[in-house]
């Protein structure tokens, strides 16, 4: 799995847990809706950490909670 796919999957998972849409996530996190949809689609390769932090703030979770999943723990190293 790629980092981009892991990020998109995690955002979708968290939206489902919180019973919100990606649009609602954009509103509560202060991130432009086009940025959210770019992360979920194929346009955004790697969003900035600051964007992920805003998403976490909107979801009322920490960055550690966001990234503490098997998907992120099992990612292969990108620099070799």
PDB file of N, CA and C in Angstrom:
ATOM      1  N   UNK A   1       0.847  -1.184   0.000  1.00  0.00           N
ATOM      2  CA  UNK A   1       0.000   0.000   0.000  1.00  0.00           C
ATOM      3  C   UNK A   1       0.886   1.238   0.000  1.00  0.00           C
ATOM      4  N   UNK A   2       0.428   2.253  -0.690  1.00  0.00           N
ATOM      5  CA  UNK A   2       1.171   3.510  -0.754  1.00  0.00           C
ATOM      6  C   UNK A   2       0.743   4.435   0.381  1.00  0.00           C
ATOM      7  N   UNK A   3       1.574   5.411   0.660  1.00  0.00           N
ATOM      8  CA  UNK A   3       1.253   6.410   1.682  1.00  0.00           C
ATOM      9  C   UNK A   3      -0.023   7.158   1.309  1.00  0.00           C
ATOM     10  N   UNK A   4      -0.147   7.532   0.050  1.00  0.00           N
ATOM     11  CA  UNK A   4      -1.325   8.269  -0.400  1.00  0.00           C
ATOM     12  C   UNK A   4      -2.599   7.465  -0.168  1.00  0.00           C
ATOM     13  N   UNK A   5      -2.560   6.196  -0.500  1.00  0.00           N
ATOM     14  CA  UNK A   5      -3.735   5.329  -0.313  1.00  0.00           C
ATOM     15  C   UNK A   5      -4.027   5.153   1.174  1.00  0.00           C
ATOM     16  N   UNK A   6      -2.995   5.011   1.992  1.00  0.00           N
ATOM     17  CA  UNK A   6      -3.183   4.861   3.437  1.00  0.00           C
ATOM     18  C   UNK A   6      -3.825   6.117   4.029  1.00  0.00           C
ATOM     19  N   UNK A   7      -3.390   7.302   3.579  1.00  0.00           N
ATOM     20  CA  UNK A   7      -3.978   8.559   4.064  1.00  0.00           C
ATOM     21  C   UNK A   7      -5.456   8.645   3.683  1.00  0.00           C
ATOM     22  N   UNK A   8      -5.750   8.347   2.427  1.00  0.00           N
ATOM     23  CA  UNK A   8      -7.140   8.409   1.965  1.00  0.00           C
ATOM     24  C   UNK A   8      -8.004   7.406   2.724  1.00  0.00           C
ATOM     25  N   UNK A   9      -7.515   6.193   2.885  1.00  0.00           N
ATOM     26  CA  UNK A   9      -8.274   5.169   3.607  1.00  0.00           C
ATOM     27  C   UNK A   9      -8.550   5.590   5.043  1.00  0.00           C
ATOM     28  N   UNK A  10      -7.552   6.180   5.688  1.00  0.00           N
ATOM     29  CA  UNK A  10      -7.707   6.577   7.088  1.00  0.00           C
ATOM     30  C   UNK A  10      -8.731   7.698   7.229  1.00  0.00           C
ATOM     31  N   UNK A  11      -8.710   8.645   6.314  1.00  0.00           N
ATOM     32  CA  UNK A  11      -9.683   9.736   6.370  1.00  0.00           C
ATOM     33  C   UNK A  11     -11.089   9.201   6.166  1.00  0.00           C
ATOM     34  N   UNK A  12     -11.259   8.315   5.209  1.00  0.00           N
ATOM     35  CA  UNK A  12     -12.578   7.710   4.973  1.00  0.00           C
ATOM     36  C   UNK A  12     -13.031   6.939   6.205  1.00  0.00           C
ATOM     37  N   UNK A  13     -12.125   6.170   6.793  1.00  0.00           N
ATOM     38  CA  UNK A  13     -12.444   5.385   7.991  1.00  0.00           C
ATOM     39  C   UNK A  13     -12.890   6.294   9.140  1.00  0.00           C
ATOM     40  N   UNK A  14     -12.160   7.382   9.355  1.00  0.00           N
ATOM     41  CA  UNK A  14     -12.490   8.301  10.442  1.00  0.00           C
ATOM     42  C   UNK A  14     -13.813   9.023  10.180  1.00  0.00           C
ATOM     43  N   UNK A  15     -14.065   9.385   8.941  1.00  0.00           N
ATOM     44  CA  UNK A  15     -15.352  10.008   8.604  1.00  0.00           C
ATOM     45  C   UNK A  15     -16.496   9.040   8.894  1.00  0.00           C
ATOM     46  N   UNK A  16     -16.305   7.776   8.551  1.00  0.00           N
ATOM     47  CA  UNK A  16     -17.343   6.779   8.826  1.00  0.00           C
ATOM     48  C   UNK A  16     -17.554   6.615  10.330  1.00  0.00           C
ATOM     49  N   UNK A  17     -16.449   6.574  11.097  1.00  0.00           N
ATOM     50  CA  UNK A  17     -16.552   6.446  12.555  1.00  0.00           C
ATOM     51  C   UNK A  17     -17.307   7.623  13.167  1.00  0.00           C
ATOM     52  N   UNK A  18     -17.048   8.823  12.649  1.00  0.00           N
ATOM     53  CA  UNK A  18     -17.673  10.037  13.190  1.00  0.00           C
ATOM     54  C   UNK A  18     -19.028  10.325  12.536  1.00  0.00           C
ATOM     55  N   UNK A  19     -19.388   9.490  11.549  1.00  0.00           N
ATOM     56  CA  UNK A  19     -20.655   9.642  10.830  1.00  0.00           C
ATOM     57  C   UNK A  19     -20.762  11.018  10.159  1.00  0.00           C
ATOM     58  N   UNK A  20     -19.666  11.396   9.472  1.00  0.00           N
ATOM     59  CA  UNK A  20     -19.651  12.661   8.741  1.00  0.00           C
ATOM     60  C   UNK A  20     -19.201  12.410   7.304  1.00  0.00           C
ATOM     61  N   UNK A  21     -19.518  13.343   6.437  1.00  0.00           N
ATOM     62  CA  UNK A  21     -19.085  13.278   5.041  1.00  0.00           C
ATOM     63  C   UNK A  21     -17.739  13.986   4.896  1.00  0.00           C
ATOM     64  N   UNK A  22     -17.039  13.738   3.799  1.00  0.00           N
ATOM     65  CA  UNK A  22     -15.809  14.500   3.556  1.00  0.00           C
ATOM     66  C   UNK A  22     -16.068  16.011   3.512  1.00  0.00           C
ATOM     67  N   UNK A  23     -17.217  16.414   2.994  1.00  0.00           N
ATOM     68  CA  UNK A  23     -17.555  17.839   2.991  1.00  0.00           C
ATOM     69  C   UNK A  23     -17.664  18.371   4.420  1.00  0.00           C
ATOM     70  N   UNK A  24     -18.342  17.619   5.287  1.00  0.00           N
ATOM     71  CA  UNK A  24     -18.465  18.037   6.692  1.00  0.00           C
ATOM     72  C   UNK A  24     -17.091  18.095   7.352  1.00  0.00           C
ATOM     73  N   UNK A  25     -16.219  17.167   6.997  1.00  0.00           N
ATOM     74  CA  UNK A  25     -14.856  17.180   7.527  1.00  0.00           C
ATOM     75  C   UNK A  25     -14.153  18.472   7.130  1.00  0.00           C
ATOM     76  N   UNK A  26     -14.321  18.880   5.884  1.00  0.00           N
ATOM     77  CA  UNK A  26     -13.713  20.128   5.425  1.00  0.00           C
ATOM     78  C   UNK A  26     -14.214  21.309   6.251  1.00  0.00           C
ATOM     79  N   UNK A  27     -15.498  21.340   6.510  1.00  0.00           N
ATOM     80  CA  UNK A  27     -16.083  22.448   7.271  1.00  0.00           C
ATOM     81  C   UNK A  27     -15.540  22.477   8.696  1.00  0.00           C
ATOM     82  N   UNK A  28     -15.544  21.334   9.386  1.00  0.00           N
ATOM     83  CA  UNK A  28     -15.123  21.337  10.793  1.00  0.00           C
ATOM     84  C   UNK A  28     -13.618  21.478  10.976  1.00  0.00           C
ATOM     85  N   UNK A  29     -12.854  21.132   9.934  1.00  0.00           N
ATOM     86  CA  UNK A  29     -11.399  21.219  10.069  1.00  0.00           C
ATOM     87  C   UNK A  29     -10.821  22.505   9.491  1.00  0.00           C
ATOM     88  N   UNK A  30     -11.626  23.244   8.739  1.00  0.00           N
ATOM     89  CA  UNK A  30     -11.124  24.464   8.127  1.00  0.00           C
ATOM     90  C   UNK A  30     -10.222  24.213   6.934  1.00  0.00           C
ATOM     91  N   UNK A  31     -10.315  23.018   6.378  1.00  0.00           N
ATOM     92  CA  UNK A  31      -9.540  22.667   5.185  1.00  0.00           C
ATOM     93  C   UNK A  31     -10.471  22.799   3.990  1.00  0.00           C
ATOM     94  N   UNK A  32      -9.994  23.411   2.936  1.00  0.00           N
ATOM     95  CA  UNK A  32     -10.819  23.586   1.750  1.00  0.00           C
ATOM     96  C   UNK A  32     -11.334  22.235   1.260  1.00  0.00           C
ATOM     97  N   UNK A  33     -12.596  22.195   0.862  1.00  0.00           N
ATOM     98  CA  UNK A  33     -13.196  20.924   0.438  1.00  0.00           C
ATOM     99  C   UNK A  33     -12.463  20.333  -0.755  1.00  0.00           C
ATOM    100  N   UNK A  34     -11.916  21.178  -1.623  1.00  0.00           N
ATOM    101  CA  UNK A  34     -11.179  20.652  -2.773  1.00  0.00           C
ATOM    102  C   UNK A  34      -9.905  19.937  -2.321  1.00  0.00           C
ATOM    103  N   UNK A  35      -9.317  20.394  -1.223  1.00  0.00           N
ATOM    104  CA  UNK A  35      -8.129  19.727  -0.678  1.00  0.00           C
ATOM    105  C   UNK A  35      -8.499  18.352  -0.142  1.00  0.00           C
ATOM    106  N   UNK A  36      -9.606  18.259   0.588  1.00  0.00           N
ATOM    107  CA  UNK A  36     -10.059  16.970   1.112  1.00  0.00           C
ATOM    108  C   UNK A  36     -10.311  16.009  -0.036  1.00  0.00           C
ATOM    109  N   UNK A  37     -11.055  16.472  -1.049  1.00  0.00           N
ATOM    110  CA  UNK A  37     -11.371  15.601  -2.175  1.00  0.00           C
ATOM    111  C   UNK A  37     -10.134  15.258  -2.994  1.00  0.00           C
ATOM    112  N   UNK A  38      -9.145  16.140  -3.027  1.00  0.00           N
ATOM    113  CA  UNK A  38      -7.890  15.832  -3.711  1.00  0.00           C
ATOM    114  C   UNK A  38      -7.132  14.728  -2.993  1.00  0.00           C
ATOM    115  N   UNK A  39      -7.150  14.772  -1.665  1.00  0.00           N
ATOM    116  CA  UNK A  39      -6.485  13.727  -0.884  1.00  0.00           C
ATOM    117  C   UNK A  39      -7.194  12.391  -1.108  1.00  0.00           C
ATOM    118  N   UNK A  40      -8.504  12.425  -1.139  1.00  0.00           N
ATOM    119  CA  UNK A  40      -9.275  11.196  -1.313  1.00  0.00           C
ATOM    120  C   UNK A  40      -9.226  10.681  -2.743  1.00  0.00           C
ATOM    121  N   UNK A  41      -8.995  11.566  -3.701  1.00  0.00           N
ATOM    122  CA  UNK A  41      -8.931  11.174  -5.102  1.00  0.00           C
ATOM    123  C   UNK A  41      -7.503  10.973  -5.550  1.00  0.00           C
ATOM    124  N   UNK A  42      -7.244  11.267  -6.791  1.00  0.00           N
ATOM    125  CA  UNK A  42      -5.909  11.035  -7.355  1.00  0.00           C
ATOM    126  C   UNK A  42      -5.098  12.297  -7.586  1.00  0.00           C
ATOM    127  N   UNK A  43      -5.591  13.443  -7.144  1.00  0.00           N
ATOM    128  CA  UNK A  43      -4.906  14.701  -7.464  1.00  0.00           C
ATOM    129  C   UNK A  43      -3.782  15.051  -6.494  1.00  0.00           C
ATOM    130  N   UNK A  44      -3.978  14.808  -5.203  1.00  0.00           N
ATOM    131  CA  UNK A  44      -2.974  15.181  -4.198  1.00  0.00           C
ATOM    132  C   UNK A  44      -2.051  14.003  -3.936  1.00  0.00           C
ATOM    133  N   UNK A  45      -0.774  14.178  -4.205  1.00  0.00           N
ATOM    134  CA  UNK A  45       0.161  13.076  -3.988  1.00  0.00           C
ATOM    135  C   UNK A  45       0.452  12.881  -2.504  1.00  0.00           C
ATOM    136  N   UNK A  46       0.911  13.943  -1.862  1.00  0.00           N
ATOM    137  CA  UNK A  46       1.257  13.860  -0.445  1.00  0.00           C
ATOM    138  C   UNK A  46       0.895  15.174   0.224  1.00  0.00           C
ATOM    139  N   UNK A  47      -0.210  15.202   0.952  1.00  0.00           N
ATOM    140  CA  UNK A  47      -0.608  16.445   1.620  1.00  0.00           C
ATOM    141  C   UNK A  47       0.388  16.830   2.709  1.00  0.00           C
ATOM    142  N   UNK A  48       0.433  18.113   3.005  1.00  0.00           N
ATOM    143  CA  UNK A  48       1.330  18.596   4.042  1.00  0.00           C
ATOM    144  C   UNK A  48       0.882  18.113   5.416  1.00  0.00           C
ATOM    145  N   UNK A  49       1.826  17.987   6.312  1.00  0.00           N
ATOM    146  CA  UNK A  49       1.522  17.574   7.684  1.00  0.00           C
ATOM    147  C   UNK A  49       0.569  18.580   8.316  1.00  0.00           C
ATOM    148  N   UNK A  50       0.724  19.860   7.988  1.00  0.00           N
ATOM    149  CA  UNK A  50      -0.161  20.886   8.545  1.00  0.00           C
ATOM    150  C   UNK A  50      -1.611  20.630   8.142  1.00  0.00           C
ATOM    151  N   UNK A  51      -1.835  20.121   6.948  1.00  0.00           N
ATOM    152  CA  UNK A  51      -3.190  19.802   6.501  1.00  0.00           C
ATOM    153  C   UNK A  51      -3.742  18.625   7.281  1.00  0.00           C
ATOM    154  N   UNK A  52      -2.924  17.597   7.464  1.00  0.00           N
ATOM    155  CA  UNK A  52      -3.354  16.432   8.246  1.00  0.00           C
ATOM    156  C   UNK A  52      -3.634  16.851   9.687  1.00  0.00           C
ATOM    157  N   UNK A  53      -2.822  17.771  10.228  1.00  0.00           N
ATOM    158  CA  UNK A  53      -3.038  18.270  11.593  1.00  0.00           C
ATOM    159  C   UNK A  53      -4.378  18.984  11.702  1.00  0.00           C
ATOM    160  N   UNK A  54      -4.729  19.798  10.721  1.00  0.00           N
ATOM    161  CA  UNK A  54      -6.027  20.477  10.731  1.00  0.00           C
ATOM    162  C   UNK A  54      -7.168  19.458  10.682  1.00  0.00           C
ATOM    163  N   UNK A  55      -6.995  18.429   9.868  1.00  0.00           N
ATOM    164  CA  UNK A  55      -8.011  17.371   9.792  1.00  0.00           C
ATOM    165  C   UNK A  55      -8.154  16.698  11.154  1.00  0.00           C
ATOM    166  N   UNK A  56      -7.026  16.402  11.790  1.00  0.00           N
ATOM    167  CA  UNK A  56      -7.060  15.795  13.121  1.00  0.00           C
ATOM    168  C   UNK A  56      -7.745  16.706  14.129  1.00  0.00           C
ATOM    169  N   UNK A  57      -7.437  17.989  14.076  1.00  0.00           N
ATOM    170  CA  UNK A  57      -8.074  18.941  14.983  1.00  0.00           C
ATOM    171  C   UNK A  57      -9.587  18.938  14.789  1.00  0.00           C
ATOM    172  N   UNK A  58     -10.025  18.922  13.543  1.00  0.00           N
ATOM    173  CA  UNK A  58     -11.454  18.882  13.260  1.00  0.00           C
ATOM    174  C   UNK A  58     -12.115  17.617  13.778  1.00  0.00           C
ATOM    175  N   UNK A  59     -11.377  16.509  13.713  1.00  0.00           N
ATOM    176  CA  UNK A  59     -11.897  15.225  14.196  1.00  0.00           C
ATOM    177  C   UNK A  59     -11.692  15.038  15.700  1.00  0.00           C
ATOM    178  N   UNK A  60     -10.995  15.994  16.311  1.00  0.00           N
ATOM    179  CA  UNK A  60     -10.679  15.949  17.733  1.00  0.00           C
ATOM    180  C   UNK A  60      -9.864  14.705  18.106  1.00  0.00           C
ATOM    181  N   UNK A  61      -8.836  14.455  17.275  1.00  0.00           N
ATOM    182  CA  UNK A  61      -7.891  13.381  17.553  1.00  0.00           C
ATOM    183  C   UNK A  61      -6.479  13.949  17.397  1.00  0.00           C
ATOM    184  N   UNK A  62      -5.507  13.220  17.906  1.00  0.00           N
ATOM    185  CA  UNK A  62      -4.116  13.638  17.767  1.00  0.00           C
ATOM    186  C   UNK A  62      -3.524  13.059  16.479  1.00  0.00           C
ATOM    187  N   UNK A  63      -2.399  13.625  16.087  1.00  0.00           N
ATOM    188  CA  UNK A  63      -1.683  13.053  14.947  1.00  0.00           C
ATOM    189  C   UNK A  63      -1.300  11.606  15.235  1.00  0.00           C
ATOM    190  N   UNK A  64      -0.919  11.331  16.468  1.00  0.00           N
ATOM    191  CA  UNK A  64      -0.550   9.959  16.837  1.00  0.00           C
ATOM    192  C   UNK A  64      -1.727   9.014  16.639  1.00  0.00           C
ATOM    193  N   UNK A  65      -2.921   9.448  17.033  1.00  0.00           N
ATOM    194  CA  UNK A  65      -4.111   8.614  16.835  1.00  0.00           C
ATOM    195  C   UNK A  65      -4.404   8.412  15.349  1.00  0.00           C
ATOM    196  N   UNK A  66      -4.178   9.445  14.562  1.00  0.00           N
ATOM    197  CA  UNK A  66      -4.413   9.342  13.123  1.00  0.00           C
ATOM    198  C   UNK A  66      -3.501   8.292  12.500  1.00  0.00           C
ATOM    199  N   UNK A  67      -2.220   8.345  12.864  1.00  0.00           N
ATOM    200  CA  UNK A  67      -1.237   7.474  12.224  1.00  0.00           C
ATOM    201  C   UNK A  67      -1.049   6.118  12.907  1.00  0.00           C
ATOM    202  N   UNK A  68      -1.656   5.891  14.045  1.00  0.00           N
ATOM    203  CA  UNK A  68      -1.462   4.642  14.781  1.00  0.00           C
ATOM    204  C   UNK A  68      -2.416   3.564  14.276  1.00  0.00           C
ATOM    205  N   UNK A  69      -2.132   3.084  13.074  1.00  0.00           N
ATOM    206  CA  UNK A  69      -2.929   2.013  12.472  1.00  0.00           C
ATOM    207  C   UNK A  69      -1.984   1.031  11.796  1.00  0.00           C
ATOM    208  N   UNK A  70      -2.427  -0.196  11.605  1.00  0.00           N
ATOM    209  CA  UNK A  70      -1.579  -1.170  10.907  1.00  0.00           C
ATOM    210  C   UNK A  70      -1.170  -0.703   9.510  1.00  0.00           C
ATOM    211  N   UNK A  71      -2.044   0.013   8.819  1.00  0.00           N
ATOM    212  CA  UNK A  71      -1.704   0.488   7.469  1.00  0.00           C
ATOM    213  C   UNK A  71      -0.449   1.345   7.472  1.00  0.00           C
ATOM    214  N   UNK A  72      -0.357   2.263   8.425  1.00  0.00           N
ATOM    215  CA  UNK A  72       0.814   3.128   8.474  1.00  0.00           C
ATOM    216  C   UNK A  72       2.022   2.402   9.045  1.00  0.00           C
ATOM    217  N   UNK A  73       1.792   1.528  10.017  1.00  0.00           N
ATOM    218  CA  UNK A  73       2.899   0.789  10.614  1.00  0.00           C
ATOM    219  C   UNK A  73       3.543  -0.176   9.626  1.00  0.00           C
ATOM    220  N   UNK A  74       2.782  -0.629   8.635  1.00  0.00           N
ATOM    221  CA  UNK A  74       3.286  -1.614   7.675  1.00  0.00           C
ATOM    222  C   UNK A  74       3.765  -1.008   6.361  1.00  0.00           C
ATOM    223  N   UNK A  75       3.745   0.316   6.255  1.00  0.00           N
ATOM    224  CA  UNK A  75       4.220   0.947   5.013  1.00  0.00           C
ATOM    225  C   UNK A  75       5.705   0.657   4.802  1.00  0.00           C
ATOM    226  N   UNK A  76       6.058   0.410   3.553  1.00  0.00           N
ATOM    227  CA  UNK A  76       7.467   0.192   3.243  1.00  0.00           C
ATOM    228  C   UNK A  76       8.198   1.527   3.222  1.00  0.00           C
ATOM    229  N   UNK A  77       9.461   1.486   3.546  1.00  0.00           N
ATOM    230  CA  UNK A  77      10.275   2.683   3.526  1.00  0.00           C
ATOM    231  C   UNK A  77      10.380   3.187   2.095  1.00  0.00           C
ATOM    232  N   UNK A  78      10.163   4.495   1.907  1.00  0.00           N
ATOM    233  CA  UNK A  78      10.173   5.059   0.560  1.00  0.00           C
ATOM    234  C   UNK A  78      11.565   5.431   0.074  1.00  0.00           C
ATOM    235  N   UNK A  79      12.471   5.705   0.999  1.00  0.00           N
ATOM    236  CA  UNK A  79      13.845   6.049   0.633  1.00  0.00           C
ATOM    237  C   UNK A  79      14.727   4.847   0.943  1.00  0.00           C
ATOM    238  N   UNK A  80      15.453   4.435  -0.047  1.00  0.00           N
ATOM    239  CA  UNK A  80      16.316   3.259   0.147  1.00  0.00           C
ATOM    240  C   UNK A  80      17.735   3.582  -0.202  1.00  0.00           C
TER     241      UNK A  80
END
